[in-house]
Protein backbone atom coordinates (compact mmCIF):
# COMPACT_ATOMS: atom_id res chain seq x y z
CA UNK A 1 9.44 30.68 0.01
CA UNK A 2 8.11 27.50 -1.56
CA UNK A 3 4.36 26.97 -1.80
CA UNK A 4 3.12 23.78 -0.16
CA UNK A 5 1.84 21.05 -2.42
CA UNK A 6 -1.73 19.93 -1.89
CA UNK A 7 -2.40 16.22 -2.28
CA UNK A 8 -5.79 14.54 -2.44
CA UNK A 9 -6.32 10.87 -1.71
CA UNK A 10 -9.21 8.69 -2.78
CA UNK A 11 -10.44 5.35 -4.03
CA UNK A 12 -11.05 4.68 -7.70
CA UNK A 13 -14.31 3.21 -8.95
CA UNK A 14 -14.26 0.13 -11.17
CA UNK A 15 -14.69 2.40 -14.20
CA UNK A 16 -11.70 4.53 -13.13
CA UNK A 17 -9.31 1.59 -12.60
CA UNK A 18 -7.74 1.98 -16.07
CA UNK A 19 -6.39 5.34 -14.83
CA UNK A 20 -4.30 3.47 -12.26
CA UNK A 21 -2.89 1.17 -14.92
CA UNK A 22 -2.08 4.15 -17.14
CA UNK A 23 -0.13 5.61 -14.18
CA UNK A 24 1.81 2.35 -13.75
CA UNK A 25 2.66 2.16 -17.46
CA UNK A 26 3.70 5.81 -17.71
CA UNK A 27 6.34 5.34 -14.98
CA UNK A 28 7.38 1.78 -15.86
CA UNK A 29 5.94 0.21 -12.68
CA UNK A 30 4.88 -3.45 -12.73
CA UNK A 31 1.48 -2.95 -11.06
CA UNK A 32 -1.80 -3.77 -12.77
CA UNK A 33 -5.03 -3.20 -10.86
CA UNK A 34 -8.17 -5.14 -11.73
CA UNK A 35 -11.60 -3.51 -11.78
CA UNK A 36 -12.97 -5.41 -8.78
CA UNK A 37 -10.00 -4.64 -6.50
CA UNK A 38 -9.86 -1.77 -4.02
CA UNK A 39 -7.53 0.81 -5.57
CA UNK A 40 -6.40 4.05 -3.93
CA UNK A 41 -4.57 6.93 -5.59
CA UNK A 42 -2.94 10.18 -4.54
CA UNK A 43 -3.35 13.16 -6.86
CA UNK A 44 -1.34 16.37 -7.02
CA UNK A 45 -2.64 19.93 -7.26
CA UNK A 46 -3.23 19.41 -11.01
CA UNK A 47 -5.36 16.30 -10.33
CA UNK A 48 -2.71 14.03 -11.88
CA UNK A 49 -2.21 10.63 -10.24
CA UNK A 50 1.16 10.58 -8.48
CA UNK A 51 0.80 7.40 -6.40
CA UNK A 52 -1.24 4.22 -6.48
CA UNK A 53 -1.86 0.95 -4.61
CA UNK A 54 -4.38 -1.87 -4.82
CA UNK A 55 -5.46 -4.88 -2.78
CA UNK A 56 -5.45 -8.21 -4.61
CA UNK A 57 -7.78 -10.93 -3.26
CA UNK A 58 -6.34 -14.45 -3.27
CA UNK A 59 -9.42 -16.03 -1.58
CA UNK A 60 -7.51 -17.05 1.57
CA UNK A 61 -5.64 -13.78 1.98
CA UNK A 62 -5.35 -10.25 0.58
CA UNK A 63 -2.14 -8.83 -0.84
CA UNK A 64 -1.36 -5.13 -0.73
CA UNK A 65 0.36 -4.67 -4.08
CA UNK A 66 1.26 -2.14 -6.73
CA UNK A 67 2.38 0.45 -4.18
CA UNK A 68 4.11 3.04 -6.34
CA UNK A 69 4.93 6.75 -6.12
CA UNK A 70 6.00 8.88 -9.08
CA UNK A 71 9.75 9.59 -8.79
CA UNK A 72 9.31 13.37 -8.43
CA UNK A 73 7.18 12.80 -5.32
CA UNK A 74 9.21 10.10 -3.57
CA UNK A 75 10.56 10.97 -0.13
CA UNK A 76 7.78 13.48 0.54
CA UNK A 77 5.40 11.35 2.64
CA UNK A 78 3.18 10.43 -0.31
CA UNK A 79 3.52 6.66 0.24
CA UNK A 80 2.53 7.04 3.90
CA UNK A 81 -0.50 9.12 2.90
CA UNK A 82 -1.46 6.50 0.30
CA UNK A 83 -1.10 3.57 2.70
CA UNK A 84 -2.99 5.32 5.50
CA UNK A 85 -5.96 5.70 3.16
CA UNK A 86 -5.56 2.15 1.87
CA UNK A 87 -5.74 0.83 5.47
CA UNK A 88 -9.53 1.08 5.41
CA UNK A 89 -9.45 -2.10 3.28
CA UNK A 90 -7.00 -4.05 5.48
CA UNK A 91 -8.07 -6.92 7.71
CA UNK A 92 -6.27 -9.71 9.63
CA UNK A 93 -5.79 -11.57 6.34
CA UNK A 94 -3.82 -8.77 4.67
CA UNK A 95 -0.18 -9.26 3.68
CA UNK A 96 2.36 -7.30 1.67
CA UNK A 97 5.78 -8.09 0.21
CA UNK A 98 7.71 -4.81 0.34
CA UNK A 99 11.33 -4.33 -0.57
CA UNK A 100 13.53 -4.90 2.48
CA UNK A 101 14.53 -1.23 2.75
CA UNK A 102 10.84 -0.24 3.10
CA UNK A 103 10.23 -2.47 6.12
CA UNK A 104 10.35 0.43 8.65
CA UNK A 105 7.62 2.32 6.75
CA UNK A 106 5.31 -0.69 6.69
CA UNK A 107 6.08 -1.52 10.35
CA UNK A 108 5.00 1.99 11.34
CA UNK A 109 1.64 1.34 9.64
CA UNK A 110 0.76 -1.90 11.44
CA UNK A 111 2.57 -4.53 9.38
CA UNK A 112 4.82 -7.07 11.11
CA UNK A 113 7.62 -9.01 9.40
CA UNK A 114 6.93 -12.76 9.46
CA UNK A 115 8.72 -15.85 8.17
CA UNK A 116 7.45 -16.92 4.75
CA UNK A 117 7.66 -20.63 5.53
CA UNK A 118 5.48 -20.18 8.63
CA UNK A 119 2.57 -18.71 6.64
CA UNK A 120 -0.28 -20.43 4.84
CA UNK A 121 0.85 -22.30 1.74
CA UNK A 122 -0.92 -19.85 -0.57
CA UNK A 123 0.92 -16.87 0.94
CA UNK A 124 4.27 -18.68 0.74
CA UNK A 125 3.67 -19.72 -2.88
CA UNK A 126 2.89 -16.19 -4.05
CA UNK A 127 5.87 -14.84 -2.09
CA UNK A 128 8.21 -17.40 -3.69
CA UNK A 129 7.03 -16.39 -7.18
CA UNK A 130 8.00 -12.79 -6.40
CA UNK A 131 11.36 -13.88 -4.94
CA UNK A 132 12.12 -15.91 -8.07
CA UNK A 133 11.95 -12.65 -10.02
CA UNK A 134 15.01 -11.51 -8.06
CA UNK A 135 13.24 -9.10 -5.74
CA UNK A 136 14.77 -8.37 -2.32
CA UNK A 137 11.46 -8.51 -0.44
CA UNK A 138 10.08 -9.56 2.94
CA UNK A 139 6.71 -10.98 4.02
CA UNK A 140 4.73 -8.65 6.25
CA UNK A 141 1.37 -9.36 7.87
CA UNK A 142 -1.07 -6.64 8.90
CA UNK A 143 -1.62 -6.63 12.65
CA UNK A 144 -3.08 -3.28 13.66
CA UNK A 145 -2.36 -1.95 17.10
CA UNK A 146 -5.41 -1.38 19.26
CA UNK A 147 -6.32 2.27 19.61
CA UNK A 148 -4.91 3.66 22.82
CA UNK A 149 -7.40 5.75 24.70
CA UNK A 150 -6.05 8.88 26.28
CA UNK A 151 -7.59 9.95 29.56
CA UNK A 152 -10.03 12.80 29.35
CA UNK A 153 -8.79 16.13 30.66
CA UNK A 154 -10.63 17.03 33.81
CA UNK A 155 -11.70 20.66 34.22
CA UNK A 156 -9.89 22.52 36.99
């Protein structure tokens, strides 16, 4: 019988942001969080960072970026856990540019695929810079679903 792994999720303070960048470097990820940006991490049972994401502010929109999970923890729901916590920072101006194969994950969390050329010029310009690096990515815009209220159970 395998013991279950306990993950903790939380935001980093500005002083802790270098820990996120150390995580990115140690696994060869491209991300680089800045001190003023919201940054969320997932830690394992040994308190080691195993996943990270941050929200970059481009003045006219926000970009969910740097979403990365350590290889040993991929496919175990860690990214979903990370993004669910990160959602507290999302608003109607939040976008992300995930790899095409990750589109179903982001769709399940309130992001909708949109056409790059139909977005604000600033969003399109940043997206094109990423595409020019050879990344197979899509533009997704955060559009949360309204909370569905379930009817109260009436006592018999």
